[in-house]
Amino acid sequence: RSLEYEKAGRWDLVVKFLDRIIKLSNDQLEIRNMRLQMADALYEWQEYDRASRLYVYFAELYPGSKQSEYASYKSILSLSKMILEADRDTSAARAVAREGRDFLRRKAAGNTAYNTEVEDLIHAAIKRIYESELLTFYFYLNSGHYTSAVGRLEFIKKEFVADLPDIGPEIIVLEFELAAARDDKELQQKKKKELKIKYPAYTSTVVEKQEKKSKKKDHVRTF
């Protein structure tokens, strides 16, 4: 019956069927297998929160099982499916980063099963959190709360540069934008040179636009 429901894509019925079998069965091996199948069915049904919790329950209940590591990985994968856009709640992204790191930390030496997949999930989650923090930075910057913008930028550098080395040039551009907003021309030039020296292949439309704006103002003054 369960296979029929699966073929029909009726994961809701698969979940109901497995739940009933688990409640009626006295066979512990069957119950264990059914619990994992139910978690998989919930995942396919896109009930990611319920799936994640059941995967965690399985991994904790059967730590010696060969499927325990799979369940832990699928729990993190389920959480990743609940990650929202950068302008919304980042709880799921933070949970992925936290649980993913715990997953890698407790792995035995030489055991690399699901490591690459989990590392990719962690990276994507941290990137989304970073994007969310950028929105907060720009909120402060655009509303003229420069002290708060400075504090947020320092937090971003402390929390994300190590995990996201590719954002190096972006950080310099953010510092440049902050200097421009505060009309600190000396710091603007310093950051522009730093960007050119450290990342010569990187181009920033923000810096280019500011340069054109400055040149236009200078031309007006000297005309």
C-alpha atoms as a PDB file:
ATOM      1  CA  ARG A   1       0.000   0.000   0.000  1.00  0.00           C
ATOM      2  CA  SER A   2       2.756   2.457   0.889  1.00  0.00           C
ATOM      3  CA  LEU A   3       4.488   1.865  -2.462  1.00  0.00           C
ATOM      4  CA  GLU A   4       1.231   2.545  -4.288  1.00  0.00           C
ATOM      5  CA  TYR A   5       0.869   5.867  -2.517  1.00  0.00           C
ATOM      6  CA  GLU A   6       4.520   6.722  -3.249  1.00  0.00           C
ATOM      7  CA  LYS A   7       4.086   6.016  -6.967  1.00  0.00           C
ATOM      8  CA  ALA A   8       1.026   8.257  -6.978  1.00  0.00           C
ATOM      9  CA  GLY A   9       2.945  11.000  -5.193  1.00  0.00           C
ATOM     10  CA  ARG A  10       0.493  10.934  -2.286  1.00  0.00           C
ATOM     11  CA  TRP A  11       3.038  11.502   0.440  1.00  0.00           C
ATOM     12  CA  ASP A  12       0.318  12.580   2.847  1.00  0.00           C
ATOM     13  CA  LEU A  13      -1.187   9.105   2.590  1.00  0.00           C
ATOM     14  CA  VAL A  14       2.246   7.495   2.894  1.00  0.00           C
ATOM     15  CA  VAL A  15       2.777   9.356   6.168  1.00  0.00           C
ATOM     16  CA  LYS A  16      -0.628   8.321   7.515  1.00  0.00           C
ATOM     17  CA  PHE A  17      -0.049   4.691   6.512  1.00  0.00           C
ATOM     18  CA  LEU A  18       3.403   4.519   8.129  1.00  0.00           C
ATOM     19  CA  ASP A  19       2.190   6.255  11.264  1.00  0.00           C
ATOM     20  CA  ARG A  20      -0.528   3.644  11.652  1.00  0.00           C
ATOM     21  CA  ILE A  21       1.920   0.765  11.130  1.00  0.00           C
ATOM     22  CA  ILE A  22       4.306   2.205  13.736  1.00  0.00           C
ATOM     23  CA  LYS A  23       1.513   2.438  16.317  1.00  0.00           C
ATOM     24  CA  LEU A  24       0.340  -1.134  15.674  1.00  0.00           C
ATOM     25  CA  SER A  25       3.691  -2.885  15.346  1.00  0.00           C
ATOM     26  CA  ASN A  26       5.587  -4.641  18.142  1.00  0.00           C
ATOM     27  CA  ASP A  27       8.600  -5.328  15.933  1.00  0.00           C
ATOM     28  CA  GLN A  28      11.296  -2.841  16.985  1.00  0.00           C
ATOM     29  CA  LEU A  29      13.312  -3.306  13.809  1.00  0.00           C
ATOM     30  CA  GLU A  30      10.219  -2.644  11.708  1.00  0.00           C
ATOM     31  CA  ILE A  31       9.356   0.413  13.804  1.00  0.00           C
ATOM     32  CA  ARG A  32      12.890   1.785  13.355  1.00  0.00           C
ATOM     33  CA  ASN A  33      12.757   1.353   9.584  1.00  0.00           C
ATOM     34  CA  MET A  34       9.264   2.808   9.367  1.00  0.00           C
ATOM     35  CA  ARG A  35      10.277   5.890  11.343  1.00  0.00           C
ATOM     36  CA  LEU A  36      13.025   6.660   8.866  1.00  0.00           C
ATOM     37  CA  GLN A  37      10.690   6.000   5.931  1.00  0.00           C
ATOM     38  CA  MET A  38       8.171   8.339   7.514  1.00  0.00           C
ATOM     39  CA  ALA A  39      10.788  11.085   7.849  1.00  0.00           C
ATOM     40  CA  ASP A  40      11.678  10.590   4.167  1.00  0.00           C
ATOM     41  CA  ALA A  41       8.003  10.755   3.243  1.00  0.00           C
ATOM     42  CA  LEU A  42       7.573  13.995   5.183  1.00  0.00           C
ATOM     43  CA  TYR A  43      10.578  15.408   3.347  1.00  0.00           C
ATOM     44  CA  GLU A  44       9.104  14.453  -0.034  1.00  0.00           C
ATOM     45  CA  TRP A  45       5.793  15.962   1.088  1.00  0.00           C
ATOM     46  CA  GLN A  46       7.759  19.167   1.749  1.00  0.00           C
ATOM     47  CA  GLU A  47       6.805  19.093   5.415  1.00  0.00           C
ATOM     48  CA  TYR A  48      10.360  20.105   6.210  1.00  0.00           C
ATOM     49  CA  ASP A  49       9.905  21.138   9.835  1.00  0.00           C
ATOM     50  CA  ARG A  50       8.237  17.841  10.779  1.00  0.00           C
ATOM     51  CA  ALA A  51      10.761  15.899   8.704  1.00  0.00           C
ATOM     52  CA  SER A  52      13.709  17.597  10.387  1.00  0.00           C
ATOM     53  CA  ARG A  53      12.370  16.867  13.863  1.00  0.00           C
ATOM     54  CA  LEU A  54      11.707  13.226  13.027  1.00  0.00           C
ATOM     55  CA  TYR A  55      15.185  12.797  11.523  1.00  0.00           C
ATOM     56  CA  VAL A  56      16.682  14.229  14.727  1.00  0.00           C
ATOM     57  CA  TYR A  57      14.524  11.933  16.828  1.00  0.00           C
ATOM     58  CA  PHE A  58      15.649   8.931  14.786  1.00  0.00           C
ATOM     59  CA  ALA A  59      19.345   9.845  15.057  1.00  0.00           C
ATOM     60  CA  GLU A  60      19.070  10.324  18.817  1.00  0.00           C
ATOM     61  CA  LEU A  61      16.997   7.180  19.360  1.00  0.00           C
ATOM     62  CA  TYR A  62      19.230   4.948  17.225  1.00  0.00           C
ATOM     63  CA  PRO A  63      22.761   6.407  17.462  1.00  0.00           C
ATOM     64  CA  GLY A  64      24.316   3.044  16.594  1.00  0.00           C
ATOM     65  CA  SER A  65      22.240   2.574  13.467  1.00  0.00           C
ATOM     66  CA  LYS A  66      23.929   2.715  10.062  1.00  0.00           C
ATOM     67  CA  GLN A  67      21.220   5.176   9.020  1.00  0.00           C
ATOM     68  CA  SER A  68      21.869   7.530  11.945  1.00  0.00           C
ATOM     69  CA  GLU A  69      24.336   9.670  10.005  1.00  0.00           C
ATOM     70  CA  TYR A  70      21.995   9.802   7.036  1.00  0.00           C
ATOM     71  CA  ALA A  71      19.187  10.970   9.335  1.00  0.00           C
ATOM     72  CA  SER A  72      21.391  13.704  10.814  1.00  0.00           C
ATOM     73  CA  TYR A  73      22.326  14.921   7.340  1.00  0.00           C
ATOM     74  CA  LYS A  74      18.701  14.872   6.144  1.00  0.00           C
ATOM     75  CA  SER A  75      17.689  16.859   9.218  1.00  0.00           C
ATOM     76  CA  ILE A  76      20.090  19.634   8.205  1.00  0.00           C
ATOM     77  CA  LEU A  77      18.963  19.396   4.586  1.00  0.00           C
ATOM     78  CA  SER A  78      15.346  19.761   5.733  1.00  0.00           C
ATOM     79  CA  LEU A  79      16.243  22.863   7.728  1.00  0.00           C
ATOM     80  CA  SER A  80      17.966  24.331   4.665  1.00  0.00           C
ATOM     81  CA  LYS A  81      14.696  24.056   2.732  1.00  0.00           C
ATOM     82  CA  MET A  82      13.129  26.446   5.243  1.00  0.00           C
ATOM     83  CA  ILE A  83      15.682  29.227   4.731  1.00  0.00           C
ATOM     84  CA  LEU A  84      13.900  32.445   3.773  1.00  0.00           C
ATOM     85  CA  GLU A  85      14.996  35.478   1.779  1.00  0.00           C
ATOM     86  CA  ALA A  86      17.567  37.819   3.333  1.00  0.00           C
ATOM     87  CA  ASP A  87      14.959  40.391   4.354  1.00  0.00           C
ATOM     88  CA  ARG A  88      13.044  37.858   6.435  1.00  0.00           C
ATOM     89  CA  ASP A  89      13.684  35.720   9.534  1.00  0.00           C
ATOM     90  CA  THR A  90      17.097  34.010   9.493  1.00  0.00           C
ATOM     91  CA  SER A  91      16.330  31.400  12.174  1.00  0.00           C
ATOM     92  CA  ALA A  92      16.459  28.485   9.728  1.00  0.00           C
ATOM     93  CA  ALA A  93      19.763  29.651   8.242  1.00  0.00           C
ATOM     94  CA  ARG A  94      21.273  29.977  11.710  1.00  0.00           C
ATOM     95  CA  ALA A  95      19.988  26.515  12.615  1.00  0.00           C
ATOM     96  CA  VAL A  96      21.628  25.033   9.501  1.00  0.00           C
ATOM     97  CA  ALA A  97      24.956  26.668  10.351  1.00  0.00           C
ATOM     98  CA  ARG A  98      24.761  25.527  13.982  1.00  0.00           C
ATOM     99  CA  GLU A  99      23.588  21.968  13.333  1.00  0.00           C
ATOM    100  CA  GLY A 100      25.915  21.571  10.360  1.00  0.00           C
ATOM    101  CA  ARG A 101      28.949  22.535  12.410  1.00  0.00           C
ATOM    102  CA  ASP A 102      27.886  20.161  15.171  1.00  0.00           C
ATOM    103  CA  PHE A 103      27.517  17.396  12.581  1.00  0.00           C
ATOM    104  CA  LEU A 104      31.082  17.927  11.306  1.00  0.00           C
ATOM    105  CA  ARG A 105      32.497  18.329  14.812  1.00  0.00           C
ATOM    106  CA  ARG A 106      31.274  14.976  16.074  1.00  0.00           C
ATOM    107  CA  LYS A 107      32.382  12.992  13.032  1.00  0.00           C
ATOM    108  CA  ALA A 108      34.982  10.312  13.685  1.00  0.00           C
ATOM    109  CA  ALA A 109      38.389  10.747  12.056  1.00  0.00           C
ATOM    110  CA  GLY A 110      38.366   9.439   8.514  1.00  0.00           C
ATOM    111  CA  ASN A 111      34.580   9.425   8.274  1.00  0.00           C
ATOM    112  CA  THR A 112      33.693  11.785   5.433  1.00  0.00           C
ATOM    113  CA  ALA A 113      30.135  10.640   4.675  1.00  0.00           C
ATOM    114  CA  TYR A 114      27.958  13.671   3.839  1.00  0.00           C
ATOM    115  CA  ASN A 115      30.752  16.092   4.829  1.00  0.00           C
ATOM    116  CA  THR A 116      30.855  17.878   1.481  1.00  0.00           C
ATOM    117  CA  GLU A 117      27.074  18.177   1.334  1.00  0.00           C
ATOM    118  CA  VAL A 118      26.897  19.586   4.858  1.00  0.00           C
ATOM    119  CA  GLU A 119      29.756  22.009   4.228  1.00  0.00           C
ATOM    120  CA  ASP A 120      27.888  23.335   1.186  1.00  0.00           C
ATOM    121  CA  LEU A 121      24.719  23.769   3.240  1.00  0.00           C
ATOM    122  CA  ILE A 122      26.632  25.624   5.959  1.00  0.00           C
ATOM    123  CA  HIS A 123      28.232  27.929   3.386  1.00  0.00           C
ATOM    124  CA  ALA A 124      24.887  28.756   1.774  1.00  0.00           C
ATOM    125  CA  ALA A 125      23.316  29.398   5.184  1.00  0.00           C
ATOM    126  CA  ILE A 126      26.112  31.706   6.320  1.00  0.00           C
ATOM    127  CA  LYS A 127      25.890  33.567   3.000  1.00  0.00           C
ATOM    128  CA  ARG A 128      22.194  34.189   3.592  1.00  0.00           C
ATOM    129  CA  ILE A 129      22.847  35.443   7.133  1.00  0.00           C
ATOM    130  CA  TYR A 130      25.543  37.731   5.720  1.00  0.00           C
ATOM    131  CA  GLU A 131      23.090  39.093   3.154  1.00  0.00           C
ATOM    132  CA  SER A 132      20.626  39.779   5.954  1.00  0.00           C
ATOM    133  CA  GLU A 133      23.266  41.673   7.929  1.00  0.00           C
ATOM    134  CA  LEU A 134      24.064  43.708   4.810  1.00  0.00           C
ATOM    135  CA  LEU A 135      20.449  44.864   4.663  1.00  0.00           C
ATOM    136  CA  THR A 136      20.716  46.027   8.264  1.00  0.00           C
ATOM    137  CA  PHE A 137      23.948  47.878   7.443  1.00  0.00           C
ATOM    138  CA  TYR A 138      22.316  49.661   4.502  1.00  0.00           C
ATOM    139  CA  PHE A 139      19.300  50.550   6.609  1.00  0.00           C
ATOM    140  CA  TYR A 140      21.559  52.367   9.049  1.00  0.00           C
ATOM    141  CA  LEU A 141      23.626  53.903   6.251  1.00  0.00           C
ATOM    142  CA  ASN A 142      20.670  55.202   4.260  1.00  0.00           C
ATOM    143  CA  SER A 143      18.911  56.562   7.330  1.00  0.00           C
ATOM    144  CA  GLY A 144      22.014  58.485   8.399  1.00  0.00           C
ATOM    145  CA  HIS A 145      22.719  56.431  11.519  1.00  0.00           C
ATOM    146  CA  TYR A 146      26.436  56.240  10.768  1.00  0.00           C
ATOM    147  CA  THR A 147      27.578  55.141  14.220  1.00  0.00           C
ATOM    148  CA  SER A 148      25.235  52.151  14.012  1.00  0.00           C
ATOM    149  CA  ALA A 149      26.400  51.494  10.442  1.00  0.00           C
ATOM    150  CA  VAL A 150      30.019  51.429  11.635  1.00  0.00           C
ATOM    151  CA  GLY A 151      29.132  49.009  14.411  1.00  0.00           C
ATOM    152  CA  ARG A 152      27.246  46.736  12.040  1.00  0.00           C
ATOM    153  CA  LEU A 153      30.123  46.740   9.556  1.00  0.00           C
ATOM    154  CA  GLU A 154      32.597  45.807  12.277  1.00  0.00           C
ATOM    155  CA  PHE A 155      30.298  42.963  13.288  1.00  0.00           C
ATOM    156  CA  ILE A 156      30.094  41.763   9.663  1.00  0.00           C
ATOM    157  CA  LYS A 157      33.885  41.755   9.323  1.00  0.00           C
ATOM    158  CA  LYS A 158      34.311  39.873  12.581  1.00  0.00           C
ATOM    159  CA  GLU A 159      31.626  37.260  11.917  1.00  0.00           C
ATOM    160  CA  PHE A 160      31.797  36.550   8.193  1.00  0.00           C
ATOM    161  CA  VAL A 161      35.176  37.236   6.582  1.00  0.00           C
ATOM    162  CA  ALA A 162      36.725  33.995   7.864  1.00  0.00           C
ATOM    163  CA  ASP A 163      33.812  31.857   6.604  1.00  0.00           C
ATOM    164  CA  LEU A 164      33.258  33.814   3.384  1.00  0.00           C
ATOM    165  CA  PRO A 165      36.702  34.843   2.101  1.00  0.00           C
ATOM    166  CA  ASP A 166      35.213  35.904  -1.245  1.00  0.00           C
ATOM    167  CA  ILE A 167      33.517  38.901   0.375  1.00  0.00           C
ATOM    168  CA  GLY A 168      36.873  40.624   0.950  1.00  0.00           C
ATOM    169  CA  PRO A 169      36.414  43.183  -1.842  1.00  0.00           C
ATOM    170  CA  GLU A 170      32.774  43.712  -0.872  1.00  0.00           C
ATOM    171  CA  ILE A 171      33.855  44.707   2.632  1.00  0.00           C
ATOM    172  CA  ILE A 172      36.207  47.346   1.241  1.00  0.00           C
ATOM    173  CA  VAL A 173      33.401  48.704  -0.948  1.00  0.00           C
ATOM    174  CA  LEU A 174      31.137  48.908   2.110  1.00  0.00           C
ATOM    175  CA  GLU A 175      33.843  50.881   3.914  1.00  0.00           C
ATOM    176  CA  PHE A 176      34.123  53.103   0.843  1.00  0.00           C
ATOM    177  CA  GLU A 177      30.354  53.712   0.811  1.00  0.00           C
ATOM    178  CA  LEU A 178      30.371  54.561   4.492  1.00  0.00           C
ATOM    179  CA  ALA A 179      33.231  57.014   3.952  1.00  0.00           C
ATOM    180  CA  ALA A 180      31.369  58.596   1.024  1.00  0.00           C
ATOM    181  CA  ALA A 181      28.198  58.975   3.102  1.00  0.00           C
ATOM    182  CA  ARG A 182      30.223  60.713   5.802  1.00  0.00           C
ATOM    183  CA  ASP A 183      31.998  62.818   3.164  1.00  0.00           C
ATOM    184  CA  ASP A 184      35.380  61.479   4.288  1.00  0.00           C
ATOM    185  CA  LYS A 185      37.299  61.969   1.040  1.00  0.00           C
ATOM    186  CA  GLU A 186      40.620  60.878   2.516  1.00  0.00           C
ATOM    187  CA  LEU A 187      39.198  57.524   3.615  1.00  0.00           C
ATOM    188  CA  GLN A 188      37.441  57.158   0.265  1.00  0.00           C
ATOM    189  CA  GLN A 189      40.741  57.438  -1.589  1.00  0.00           C
ATOM    190  CA  LYS A 190      42.415  55.086   0.869  1.00  0.00           C
ATOM    191  CA  LYS A 191      39.739  52.417   0.345  1.00  0.00           C
ATOM    192  CA  LYS A 192      39.791  52.887  -3.424  1.00  0.00           C
ATOM    193  CA  LYS A 193      43.541  52.271  -3.481  1.00  0.00           C
ATOM    194  CA  GLU A 194      43.222  49.311  -1.104  1.00  0.00           C
ATOM    195  CA  LEU A 195      40.620  47.734  -3.391  1.00  0.00           C
ATOM    196  CA  LYS A 196      42.830  48.209  -6.454  1.00  0.00           C
ATOM    197  CA  ILE A 197      45.928  46.774  -4.768  1.00  0.00           C
ATOM    198  CA  LYS A 198      44.307  43.782  -3.042  1.00  0.00           C
ATOM    199  CA  TYR A 199      41.766  42.918  -5.727  1.00  0.00           C
ATOM    200  CA  PRO A 200      42.978  44.364  -9.057  1.00  0.00           C
ATOM    201  CA  ALA A 201      40.505  42.292 -11.104  1.00  0.00           C
ATOM    202  CA  TYR A 202      37.521  43.394  -9.030  1.00  0.00           C
ATOM    203  CA  THR A 203      35.360  46.209 -10.388  1.00  0.00           C
ATOM    204  CA  SER A 204      32.789  48.092  -8.338  1.00  0.00           C
ATOM    205  CA  THR A 205      30.016  50.141  -9.914  1.00  0.00           C
ATOM    206  CA  VAL A 206      29.603  51.896  -6.557  1.00  0.00           C
ATOM    207  CA  VAL A 207      33.172  53.181  -6.594  1.00  0.00           C
ATOM    208  CA  GLU A 208      32.986  54.076 -10.305  1.00  0.00           C
ATOM    209  CA  LYS A 209      29.765  56.058  -9.849  1.00  0.00           C
ATOM    210  CA  GLN A 210      31.217  57.938  -6.894  1.00  0.00           C
ATOM    211  CA  GLU A 211      34.328  58.781  -8.905  1.00  0.00           C
ATOM    212  CA  LYS A 212      32.236  60.154 -11.784  1.00  0.00           C
ATOM    213  CA  LYS A 213      30.161  62.135  -9.328  1.00  0.00           C
ATOM    214  CA  SER A 214      33.277  63.630  -7.753  1.00  0.00           C
ATOM    215  CA  LYS A 215      34.793  64.488 -11.137  1.00  0.00           C
ATOM    216  CA  LYS A 216      31.584  66.191 -12.193  1.00  0.00           C
ATOM    217  CA  LYS A 217      31.571  68.285  -9.021  1.00  0.00           C
ATOM    218  CA  ASP A 218      35.234  69.212  -9.498  1.00  0.00           C
ATOM    219  CA  HIS A 219      34.524  70.237 -13.092  1.00  0.00           C
ATOM    220  CA  VAL A 220      31.695  72.484 -11.978  1.00  0.00           C
ATOM    221  CA  ARG A 221      33.905  74.145  -9.393  1.00  0.00           C
ATOM    222  CA  THR A 222      36.771  74.868 -11.796  1.00  0.00           C
ATOM    223  CA  PHE A 223      34.682  75.865 -14.825  1.00  0.00           C
END
